[in-house]
């Protein structure tokens, strides 16, 4: 799932760009897509992320600041470049009841220093209760000297 491109913008091939390194991300438009129990849509987030190209199209993405991740591994996403889209995801047991949370990001780069996309998150309780959220994501390279 990716956000539609704004009028006049084109998706660049991330494999042809140097996407590794520091990025500033912002998540907005958080919504509950479906849920078996009352749940909030989640807060907008903004912070520093690091992207590392591992090779062969494999990529690791880490939310360094701006997100609350429990366990800490929920801030680390692994994935790959598929066509013009960077797809990354993670999943872990997140509570003492055995509930599993999963997150996915699909990102498109519209310039060497800009990108956008969408994210989805889910929670599944061992008894079958589940919840799904969605949100939009924007990326930009930090400007020289910017503290993040």
Protein backbone atom coordinates (compact mmCIF):
# COMPACT_ATOMS: atom_id res chain seq x y z
CA UNK A 1 0.00 0.00 0.00
CA UNK A 2 1.50 3.33 -1.01
CA UNK A 3 0.14 6.83 -1.02
CA UNK A 4 -0.73 8.24 -4.45
CA UNK A 5 1.91 10.51 -5.91
CA UNK A 6 1.15 14.23 -5.91
CA UNK A 7 0.31 15.71 -9.31
CA UNK A 8 3.41 16.09 -11.48
CA UNK A 9 5.71 13.95 -9.31
CA UNK A 10 7.39 10.77 -10.50
CA UNK A 11 8.66 7.80 -8.52
CA UNK A 12 12.42 7.46 -8.85
CA UNK A 13 14.20 4.12 -8.72
CA UNK A 14 15.59 3.92 -5.15
CA UNK A 15 18.20 1.40 -6.33
CA UNK A 16 19.65 4.16 -8.54
CA UNK A 17 19.69 6.71 -5.68
CA UNK A 18 21.87 6.80 -2.60
CA UNK A 19 19.09 6.32 -0.05
CA UNK A 20 21.44 5.19 2.75
CA UNK A 21 21.92 7.46 5.72
CA UNK A 22 19.90 9.93 7.74
CA UNK A 23 16.32 10.96 6.93
CA UNK A 24 13.71 13.00 8.77
CA UNK A 25 10.32 11.26 8.76
CA UNK A 26 6.83 12.42 9.63
CA UNK A 27 3.75 10.23 9.96
CA UNK A 28 0.28 11.78 9.68
CA UNK A 29 -3.34 10.89 8.94
CA UNK A 30 -3.39 7.96 11.37
CA UNK A 31 -6.64 5.98 11.13
CA UNK A 32 -8.08 2.79 12.59
CA UNK A 33 -8.81 0.58 9.58
CA UNK A 34 -10.55 -2.17 11.52
CA UNK A 35 -10.57 -3.22 15.15
CA UNK A 36 -12.26 -5.78 17.38
CA UNK A 37 -11.85 -3.56 20.45
CA UNK A 38 -11.79 0.19 21.18
CA UNK A 39 -8.44 1.63 20.08
CA UNK A 40 -7.15 5.10 19.21
CA UNK A 41 -5.70 5.82 15.77
CA UNK A 42 -2.28 6.63 17.22
CA UNK A 43 -0.34 9.88 17.33
CA UNK A 44 1.46 11.63 14.50
CA UNK A 45 5.20 11.05 14.77
CA UNK A 46 8.29 12.86 13.58
CA UNK A 47 11.93 12.05 14.02
CA UNK A 48 15.19 10.73 12.63
CA UNK A 49 15.45 7.47 10.72
CA UNK A 50 18.44 5.70 9.22
CA UNK A 51 18.29 3.66 6.02
CA UNK A 52 21.03 1.13 5.25
CA UNK A 53 21.28 -0.62 1.90
CA UNK A 54 22.58 -4.09 2.67
CA UNK A 55 23.10 -5.21 -0.92
CA UNK A 56 21.16 -7.11 -3.55
CA UNK A 57 18.21 -4.78 -2.98
CA UNK A 58 17.97 -5.66 0.74
CA UNK A 59 17.44 -2.70 3.05
CA UNK A 60 17.28 -2.06 6.80
CA UNK A 61 15.43 0.97 8.19
CA UNK A 62 15.67 2.12 11.82
CA UNK A 63 13.49 4.71 13.55
CA UNK A 64 16.13 6.37 15.73
CA UNK A 65 13.93 9.05 17.37
CA UNK A 66 10.29 10.08 17.40
CA UNK A 67 8.68 6.68 17.94
CA UNK A 68 7.99 4.62 21.04
CA UNK A 69 8.98 1.03 20.34
CA UNK A 70 8.39 -1.80 22.78
CA UNK A 71 10.28 -4.02 22.41
CA UNK A 72 13.08 -1.92 20.91
CA UNK A 73 13.19 -4.20 17.86
CA UNK A 74 9.87 -2.71 16.71
CA UNK A 75 11.89 0.34 15.56
CA UNK A 76 13.92 -1.84 13.15
CA UNK A 77 12.44 -2.75 9.77
CA UNK A 78 13.90 -5.08 7.13
CA UNK A 79 12.90 -5.38 3.53
CA UNK A 80 13.81 -4.76 -0.06
CA UNK A 81 13.47 -2.51 -3.05
CA UNK A 82 10.82 -3.85 -5.41
CA UNK A 83 10.52 -1.83 -8.60
CA UNK A 84 10.35 1.81 -7.51
CA UNK A 85 9.12 1.02 -3.99
CA UNK A 86 11.06 0.41 -0.78
CA UNK A 87 9.03 -2.11 1.27
CA UNK A 88 10.09 -2.83 4.85
CA UNK A 89 8.38 -4.58 7.76
CA UNK A 90 8.81 -5.94 11.26
CA UNK A 91 6.92 -8.14 13.70
CA UNK A 92 7.32 -9.18 17.35
CA UNK A 93 5.51 -10.41 20.43
CA UNK A 94 4.71 -7.20 22.31
CA UNK A 95 2.92 -8.12 25.52
CA UNK A 96 2.79 -10.74 28.26
CA UNK A 97 -0.38 -12.22 26.71
CA UNK A 98 1.47 -13.25 23.53
CA UNK A 99 0.01 -10.54 21.29
CA UNK A 100 1.91 -9.93 18.07
CA UNK A 101 2.35 -6.52 16.48
CA UNK A 102 3.46 -6.04 12.88
CA UNK A 103 4.35 -2.89 10.95
CA UNK A 104 4.98 -2.24 7.28
CA UNK A 105 6.17 0.78 5.31
CA UNK A 106 6.01 1.31 1.56
CA UNK A 107 8.08 4.31 0.47
CA UNK A 108 8.51 6.03 -2.88
CA UNK A 109 11.33 8.50 -3.54
CA UNK A 110 10.30 11.54 -5.59
CA UNK A 111 13.72 13.25 -5.47
CA UNK A 112 17.16 12.28 -4.14
CA UNK A 113 16.25 14.09 -0.89
CA UNK A 114 12.46 13.48 -0.65
CA UNK A 115 10.05 10.60 -0.34
CA UNK A 116 6.54 9.66 0.68
CA UNK A 117 4.50 6.60 1.30
CA UNK A 118 2.23 4.79 3.67
CA UNK A 119 2.38 2.58 6.69
CA UNK A 120 0.23 -0.10 8.21
CA UNK A 121 0.31 -1.58 11.69
CA UNK A 122 -1.56 -4.51 13.17
CA UNK A 123 -1.99 -6.25 16.50
CA UNK A 124 -3.26 -9.82 16.86
CA UNK A 125 -4.11 -11.26 20.26
CA UNK A 126 -3.70 -15.06 20.72
CA UNK A 127 -7.50 -15.34 21.22
CA UNK A 128 -8.02 -13.85 17.74
CA UNK A 129 -8.81 -10.24 18.58
CA UNK A 130 -7.14 -7.93 16.08
CA UNK A 131 -6.71 -4.30 15.14
CA UNK A 132 -5.31 -2.63 12.00
CA UNK A 133 -4.13 0.96 11.53
CA UNK A 134 -2.91 3.00 8.57
CA UNK A 135 -1.04 6.27 8.12
CA UNK A 136 0.85 8.45 5.63
CA UNK A 137 4.61 9.03 5.74
CA UNK A 138 6.83 11.77 4.32
CA UNK A 139 10.63 11.75 4.21
CA UNK A 140 13.27 14.38 3.66
CA UNK A 141 17.00 14.56 4.07
CA UNK A 142 18.13 16.72 7.00
CA UNK A 143 19.69 20.04 6.06
CA UNK A 144 23.36 20.57 7.03
CA UNK A 145 23.63 21.36 10.74
CA UNK A 146 20.06 20.26 11.52
CA UNK A 147 19.74 18.64 14.92
CA UNK A 148 17.43 15.63 14.96
